[in-house]
Amino acid sequence: MALNGQYIKKWRKARHISARELGLALGYRGREYIKKLESGYFPVTPKFAARFETFKHQVQAREYRERKIQTRFALPPKIKILARPRRCAICREWFIFPNASDRVCTDRKCKRAYARRLDARQTKAAR
């Protein structure tokens, strides 16, 4: 696969890394070079591609090591998950919700904040 600006931006956004952070991690002064690569203004050089691939592998290895599963129940050694993990609308933690229509986790603060948000929307719509 050829490395291009669209892939760099998509990969960076998926990991919540800013252009500035990526630029500094790869040894560039800041965000300008990264943004110009992503927009296609500059071509991706072999030197940049090598640095990016090395950084990408380091980040993915760290993500794999830091992966943790928290559960209220004991899990068997092998498990098949049939529901898509989603983020809580308030705290942004990842969950597998029991119902497809659930948007918030079971935390009391999240439920209250979500209820306030819905009340504000309904009040605004009624005006």
N, C-alpha and C. Protein backbone atom coordinates (compact mmCIF):
# COMPACT_ATOMS: atom_id res chain seq x y z
N MET A 1 0.84 -1.18 0.00
CA MET A 1 0.00 0.00 0.00
C MET A 1 0.88 1.25 0.00
N ALA A 2 0.58 2.14 -0.89
CA ALA A 2 1.34 3.38 -0.97
C ALA A 2 0.83 4.35 0.09
N LEU A 3 1.75 4.96 0.77
CA LEU A 3 1.40 5.91 1.83
C LEU A 3 1.00 7.23 1.19
N ASN A 4 -0.18 7.74 1.55
CA ASN A 4 -0.63 9.02 1.02
C ASN A 4 -1.18 9.88 2.15
N GLY A 5 -1.48 11.14 1.84
CA GLY A 5 -1.93 12.09 2.84
C GLY A 5 -3.25 11.72 3.48
N GLN A 6 -4.16 11.16 2.68
CA GLN A 6 -5.47 10.76 3.22
C GLN A 6 -5.31 9.67 4.27
N TYR A 7 -4.42 8.71 4.01
CA TYR A 7 -4.19 7.64 4.98
C TYR A 7 -3.57 8.19 6.27
N ILE A 8 -2.62 9.08 6.12
CA ILE A 8 -1.96 9.67 7.29
C ILE A 8 -3.00 10.38 8.16
N LYS A 9 -3.86 11.18 7.55
CA LYS A 9 -4.87 11.92 8.31
C LYS A 9 -5.86 10.96 8.97
N LYS A 10 -6.31 9.96 8.24
CA LYS A 10 -7.27 9.00 8.78
C LYS A 10 -6.66 8.24 9.96
N TRP A 11 -5.41 7.82 9.84
CA TRP A 11 -4.74 7.09 10.91
C TRP A 11 -4.57 7.98 12.14
N ARG A 12 -4.16 9.23 11.89
CA ARG A 12 -3.92 10.18 12.98
C ARG A 12 -5.22 10.50 13.72
N LYS A 13 -6.29 10.75 12.99
CA LYS A 13 -7.58 11.08 13.60
C LYS A 13 -8.13 9.89 14.40
N ALA A 14 -7.93 8.67 13.91
CA ALA A 14 -8.43 7.48 14.60
C ALA A 14 -7.76 7.30 15.95
N ARG A 15 -6.54 7.81 16.10
CA ARG A 15 -5.81 7.67 17.36
C ARG A 15 -5.78 8.95 18.17
N HIS A 16 -6.53 9.96 17.73
CA HIS A 16 -6.64 11.24 18.43
C HIS A 16 -5.26 11.88 18.64
N ILE A 17 -4.47 11.88 17.58
CA ILE A 17 -3.14 12.51 17.60
C ILE A 17 -3.24 13.78 16.76
N SER A 18 -2.84 14.90 17.30
CA SER A 18 -2.89 16.14 16.54
C SER A 18 -1.75 16.16 15.51
N ALA A 19 -1.88 17.03 14.52
CA ALA A 19 -0.84 17.16 13.51
C ALA A 19 0.46 17.64 14.15
N ARG A 20 0.34 18.50 15.14
CA ARG A 20 1.53 18.99 15.84
C ARG A 20 2.23 17.85 16.57
N GLU A 21 1.46 17.03 17.29
CA GLU A 21 2.05 15.90 18.02
C GLU A 21 2.74 14.93 17.06
N LEU A 22 2.10 14.65 15.93
CA LEU A 22 2.70 13.74 14.95
C LEU A 22 3.98 14.34 14.38
N GLY A 23 3.94 15.61 14.05
CA GLY A 23 5.12 16.27 13.51
C GLY A 23 6.30 16.23 14.49
N LEU A 24 6.03 16.55 15.74
CA LEU A 24 7.10 16.53 16.74
C LEU A 24 7.61 15.11 16.98
N ALA A 25 6.74 14.13 16.96
CA ALA A 25 7.16 12.73 17.17
C ALA A 25 8.03 12.23 16.03
N LEU A 26 7.80 12.76 14.83
CA LEU A 26 8.58 12.32 13.67
C LEU A 26 9.81 13.18 13.42
N GLY A 27 10.02 14.19 14.26
CA GLY A 27 11.23 14.99 14.14
C GLY A 27 11.07 16.24 13.30
N TYR A 28 9.85 16.71 13.10
CA TYR A 28 9.61 17.95 12.37
C TYR A 28 9.24 19.03 13.36
N ARG A 29 9.28 20.29 12.94
CA ARG A 29 9.07 21.40 13.86
C ARG A 29 7.65 21.48 14.40
N GLY A 30 6.68 21.12 13.63
CA GLY A 30 5.31 21.27 14.09
C GLY A 30 4.31 20.68 13.12
N ARG A 31 3.18 21.37 12.97
CA ARG A 31 2.08 20.81 12.24
C ARG A 31 2.08 21.16 10.74
N GLU A 32 2.80 22.19 10.34
CA GLU A 32 2.69 22.69 8.97
C GLU A 32 3.04 21.63 7.94
N TYR A 33 4.15 20.94 8.14
CA TYR A 33 4.59 19.92 7.18
C TYR A 33 3.57 18.78 7.10
N ILE A 34 3.06 18.36 8.24
CA ILE A 34 2.09 17.26 8.28
C ILE A 34 0.81 17.66 7.55
N LYS A 35 0.32 18.87 7.81
CA LYS A 35 -0.91 19.33 7.17
C LYS A 35 -0.73 19.46 5.65
N LYS A 36 0.44 19.87 5.21
CA LYS A 36 0.68 19.98 3.77
C LYS A 36 0.80 18.60 3.12
N LEU A 37 1.34 17.63 3.86
CA LEU A 37 1.36 16.26 3.35
C LEU A 37 -0.06 15.71 3.22
N GLU A 38 -0.86 15.95 4.25
CA GLU A 38 -2.23 15.42 4.26
C GLU A 38 -3.09 16.05 3.16
N SER A 39 -2.85 17.31 2.86
CA SER A 39 -3.64 17.99 1.83
C SER A 39 -3.15 17.68 0.42
N GLY A 40 -1.96 17.07 0.29
CA GLY A 40 -1.42 16.75 -1.02
C GLY A 40 -0.54 17.84 -1.59
N TYR A 41 -0.31 18.90 -0.83
CA TYR A 41 0.54 20.00 -1.28
C TYR A 41 1.98 19.53 -1.44
N PHE A 42 2.45 18.70 -0.50
CA PHE A 42 3.77 18.08 -0.59
C PHE A 42 3.60 16.59 -0.85
N PRO A 43 4.50 15.98 -1.62
CA PRO A 43 4.46 14.52 -1.78
C PRO A 43 5.07 13.83 -0.56
N VAL A 44 4.65 12.59 -0.33
CA VAL A 44 5.21 11.82 0.78
C VAL A 44 6.57 11.29 0.34
N THR A 45 7.62 11.69 1.04
CA THR A 45 8.98 11.27 0.68
C THR A 45 9.29 9.91 1.31
N PRO A 46 10.25 9.18 0.76
CA PRO A 46 10.63 7.90 1.36
C PRO A 46 11.13 8.04 2.79
N LYS A 47 11.84 9.14 3.09
CA LYS A 47 12.34 9.37 4.45
C LYS A 47 11.17 9.54 5.42
N PHE A 48 10.16 10.34 5.01
CA PHE A 48 8.99 10.53 5.87
C PHE A 48 8.24 9.21 6.03
N ALA A 49 8.08 8.47 4.95
CA ALA A 49 7.35 7.19 5.00
C ALA A 49 8.02 6.23 5.97
N ALA A 50 9.35 6.18 5.97
CA ALA A 50 10.06 5.29 6.88
C ALA A 50 9.85 5.72 8.32
N ARG A 51 9.95 7.03 8.58
CA ARG A 51 9.73 7.54 9.94
C ARG A 51 8.29 7.27 10.40
N PHE A 52 7.34 7.49 9.49
CA PHE A 52 5.94 7.29 9.84
C PHE A 52 5.65 5.82 10.15
N GLU A 53 6.16 4.91 9.34
CA GLU A 53 5.93 3.48 9.57
C GLU A 53 6.53 3.04 10.91
N THR A 54 7.71 3.53 11.23
CA THR A 54 8.33 3.19 12.52
C THR A 54 7.47 3.70 13.68
N PHE A 55 7.04 4.95 13.58
CA PHE A 55 6.18 5.53 14.62
C PHE A 55 4.85 4.79 14.71
N LYS A 56 4.28 4.45 13.57
CA LYS A 56 3.01 3.72 13.54
C LYS A 56 3.12 2.39 14.26
N HIS A 57 4.19 1.66 14.01
CA HIS A 57 4.38 0.36 14.67
C HIS A 57 4.57 0.53 16.19
N GLN A 58 5.27 1.57 16.59
CA GLN A 58 5.45 1.84 18.03
C GLN A 58 4.11 2.14 18.70
N VAL A 59 3.30 2.97 18.06
CA VAL A 59 2.00 3.33 18.63
C VAL A 59 1.08 2.12 18.69
N GLN A 60 1.06 1.31 17.63
CA GLN A 60 0.20 0.13 17.62
C GLN A 60 0.64 -0.89 18.66
N ALA A 61 1.95 -1.03 18.86
CA ALA A 61 2.44 -1.95 19.88
C ALA A 61 2.04 -1.46 21.27
N ARG A 62 2.13 -0.15 21.50
CA ARG A 62 1.72 0.42 22.78
C ARG A 62 0.22 0.23 23.00
N GLU A 63 -0.58 0.44 21.95
CA GLU A 63 -2.03 0.25 22.07
C GLU A 63 -2.35 -1.20 22.42
N TYR A 64 -1.64 -2.12 21.82
CA TYR A 64 -1.89 -3.54 22.09
C TYR A 64 -1.53 -3.89 23.53
N ARG A 65 -0.39 -3.37 24.01
CA ARG A 65 0.03 -3.65 25.39
C ARG A 65 -0.92 -3.05 26.41
N GLU A 66 -1.48 -1.88 26.11
CA GLU A 66 -2.32 -1.17 27.06
C GLU A 66 -3.78 -1.60 27.02
N ARG A 67 -4.12 -2.52 26.14
CA ARG A 67 -5.51 -2.94 26.02
C ARG A 67 -5.94 -3.67 27.28
N LYS A 68 -7.01 -3.18 27.89
CA LYS A 68 -7.52 -3.76 29.12
C LYS A 68 -9.01 -3.98 28.97
N ILE A 69 -9.51 -5.05 29.58
CA ILE A 69 -10.94 -5.33 29.59
C ILE A 69 -11.41 -5.28 31.02
N GLN A 70 -12.40 -4.44 31.28
CA GLN A 70 -13.00 -4.36 32.61
C GLN A 70 -14.40 -4.93 32.52
N THR A 71 -14.75 -5.80 33.45
CA THR A 71 -16.06 -6.42 33.42
C THR A 71 -16.57 -6.66 34.83
N ARG A 72 -17.87 -6.70 34.96
CA ARG A 72 -18.47 -7.01 36.25
C ARG A 72 -18.55 -8.51 36.47
N PHE A 73 -18.37 -9.29 35.42
CA PHE A 73 -18.54 -10.73 35.48
C PHE A 73 -17.25 -11.45 35.11
N ALA A 74 -17.11 -12.66 35.61
CA ALA A 74 -15.95 -13.47 35.25
C ALA A 74 -16.09 -13.90 33.78
N LEU A 75 -15.01 -13.79 33.04
CA LEU A 75 -15.05 -14.14 31.62
C LEU A 75 -14.35 -15.47 31.39
N PRO A 76 -14.85 -16.26 30.46
CA PRO A 76 -14.15 -17.50 30.10
C PRO A 76 -12.89 -17.16 29.30
N PRO A 77 -11.99 -18.13 29.13
CA PRO A 77 -10.75 -17.84 28.40
C PRO A 77 -10.99 -17.42 26.95
N LYS A 78 -12.04 -17.94 26.33
CA LYS A 78 -12.33 -17.59 24.94
C LYS A 78 -13.75 -17.05 24.89
N ILE A 79 -13.92 -15.90 24.24
CA ILE A 79 -15.24 -15.27 24.21
C ILE A 79 -15.48 -14.69 22.82
N LYS A 80 -16.72 -14.75 22.36
CA LYS A 80 -17.10 -14.18 21.07
C LYS A 80 -18.04 -13.01 21.35
N ILE A 81 -17.66 -11.83 20.90
CA ILE A 81 -18.47 -10.62 21.13
C ILE A 81 -19.24 -10.34 19.85
N LEU A 82 -20.55 -10.29 19.96
CA LEU A 82 -21.39 -10.10 18.79
C LEU A 82 -21.93 -8.68 18.65
N ALA A 83 -21.69 -7.84 19.64
CA ALA A 83 -22.15 -6.46 19.58
C ALA A 83 -20.95 -5.54 19.33
N ARG A 84 -21.21 -4.46 18.65
CA ARG A 84 -20.17 -3.49 18.33
C ARG A 84 -19.90 -2.60 19.55
N PRO A 85 -18.65 -2.45 19.97
CA PRO A 85 -18.36 -1.53 21.07
C PRO A 85 -18.62 -0.09 20.63
N ARG A 86 -19.18 0.70 21.54
CA ARG A 86 -19.45 2.11 21.28
C ARG A 86 -19.02 2.94 22.47
N ARG A 87 -18.89 4.24 22.24
CA ARG A 87 -18.49 5.14 23.31
C ARG A 87 -19.73 5.69 24.01
N CYS A 88 -19.60 5.91 25.30
CA CYS A 88 -20.64 6.59 26.07
C CYS A 88 -20.72 8.03 25.55
N ALA A 89 -21.92 8.53 25.41
CA ALA A 89 -22.11 9.88 24.88
C ALA A 89 -21.56 10.96 25.80
N ILE A 90 -21.35 10.65 27.06
CA ILE A 90 -20.88 11.66 28.02
C ILE A 90 -19.41 11.46 28.38
N CYS A 91 -19.05 10.31 28.95
CA CYS A 91 -17.68 10.12 29.44
C CYS A 91 -16.73 9.61 28.36
N ARG A 92 -17.24 9.19 27.21
CA ARG A 92 -16.45 8.74 26.05
C ARG A 92 -15.65 7.47 26.30
N GLU A 93 -15.99 6.70 27.32
CA GLU A 93 -15.39 5.38 27.54
C GLU A 93 -16.05 4.38 26.59
N TRP A 94 -15.34 3.33 26.28
CA TRP A 94 -15.87 2.31 25.38
C TRP A 94 -16.69 1.29 26.18
N PHE A 95 -17.85 0.91 25.62
CA PHE A 95 -18.74 -0.06 26.24
C PHE A 95 -19.37 -0.94 25.18
N ILE A 96 -19.84 -2.10 25.61
CA ILE A 96 -20.75 -2.90 24.81
C ILE A 96 -22.07 -2.83 25.55
N PHE A 97 -22.99 -2.05 25.02
CA PHE A 97 -24.24 -1.80 25.69
C PHE A 97 -25.18 -2.99 25.57
N PRO A 98 -26.01 -3.24 26.59
CA PRO A 98 -26.94 -4.36 26.52
C PRO A 98 -28.05 -4.15 25.49
N ASN A 99 -28.42 -2.91 25.23
CA ASN A 99 -29.46 -2.60 24.25
C ASN A 99 -28.87 -1.73 23.15
N ALA A 100 -29.33 -1.96 21.94
CA ALA A 100 -28.79 -1.22 20.79
C ALA A 100 -29.10 0.28 20.88
N SER A 101 -30.16 0.65 21.57
CA SER A 101 -30.54 2.06 21.64
C SER A 101 -29.86 2.81 22.78
N ASP A 102 -29.12 2.14 23.64
CA ASP A 102 -28.43 2.81 24.74
C ASP A 102 -27.34 3.72 24.21
N ARG A 103 -27.22 4.90 24.82
CA ARG A 103 -26.21 5.88 24.40
C ARG A 103 -25.24 6.22 25.53
N VAL A 104 -25.64 5.95 26.78
CA VAL A 104 -24.79 6.31 27.92
C VAL A 104 -24.57 5.09 28.79
N CYS A 105 -23.47 5.13 29.54
CA CYS A 105 -23.14 4.02 30.44
C CYS A 105 -24.02 4.07 31.68
N THR A 106 -23.80 3.17 32.59
CA THR A 106 -24.64 3.08 33.78
C THR A 106 -24.19 4.00 34.91
N ASP A 107 -23.16 4.78 34.68
CA ASP A 107 -22.69 5.72 35.69
C ASP A 107 -23.75 6.80 35.94
N ARG A 108 -24.00 7.11 37.19
CA ARG A 108 -25.05 8.05 37.58
C ARG A 108 -24.79 9.44 36.99
N LYS A 109 -23.54 9.90 36.99
CA LYS A 109 -23.22 11.22 36.46
C LYS A 109 -23.52 11.30 34.96
N CYS A 110 -23.18 10.24 34.25
CA CYS A 110 -23.43 10.22 32.80
C CYS A 110 -24.92 10.24 32.50
N LYS A 111 -25.69 9.46 33.24
CA LYS A 111 -27.13 9.42 33.01
C LYS A 111 -27.77 10.79 33.28
N ARG A 112 -27.34 11.45 34.36
CA ARG A 112 -27.89 12.77 34.67
C ARG A 112 -27.52 13.80 33.62
N ALA A 113 -26.27 13.79 33.21
CA ALA A 113 -25.82 14.76 32.20
C ALA A 113 -26.56 14.54 30.89
N TYR A 114 -26.78 13.29 30.51
CA TYR A 114 -27.48 12.99 29.26
C TYR A 114 -28.94 13.42 29.35
N ALA A 115 -29.57 13.22 30.53
CA ALA A 115 -30.95 13.64 30.71
C ALA A 115 -31.06 15.16 30.62
N ARG A 116 -30.11 15.89 31.21
CA ARG A 116 -30.11 17.34 31.11
C ARG A 116 -29.95 17.80 29.66
N ARG A 117 -29.10 17.11 28.93
CA ARG A 117 -28.89 17.45 27.52
C ARG A 117 -30.18 17.25 26.72
N LEU A 118 -30.87 16.15 26.97
CA LEU A 118 -32.13 15.90 26.26
C LEU A 118 -33.19 16.91 26.63
N ASP A 119 -33.27 17.28 27.92
CA ASP A 119 -34.24 18.29 28.35
C ASP A 119 -33.98 19.63 27.67
N ALA A 120 -32.72 19.99 27.57
CA ALA A 120 -32.36 21.26 26.93
C ALA A 120 -32.75 21.24 25.45
N ARG A 121 -32.55 20.13 24.78
CA ARG A 121 -32.92 20.03 23.36
C ARG A 121 -34.43 20.11 23.19
N GLN A 122 -35.17 19.43 24.06
CA GLN A 122 -36.63 19.45 23.95
C GLN A 122 -37.18 20.84 24.24
N THR A 123 -36.60 21.52 25.21
CA THR A 123 -37.03 22.88 25.53
C THR A 123 -36.74 23.82 24.36
N LYS A 124 -35.60 23.65 23.75
CA LYS A 124 -35.22 24.49 22.61
C LYS A 124 -36.12 24.22 21.42
N ALA A 125 -36.49 22.96 21.20
CA ALA A 125 -37.34 22.59 20.08
C ALA A 125 -38.77 23.09 20.29
N ALA A 126 -39.22 23.19 21.55
CA ALA A 126 -40.58 23.62 21.84
C ALA A 126 -40.77 25.12 21.61
N ARG A 127 -39.70 25.88 21.60
CA ARG A 127 -39.80 27.34 21.43
C ARG A 127 -40.21 27.72 20.07
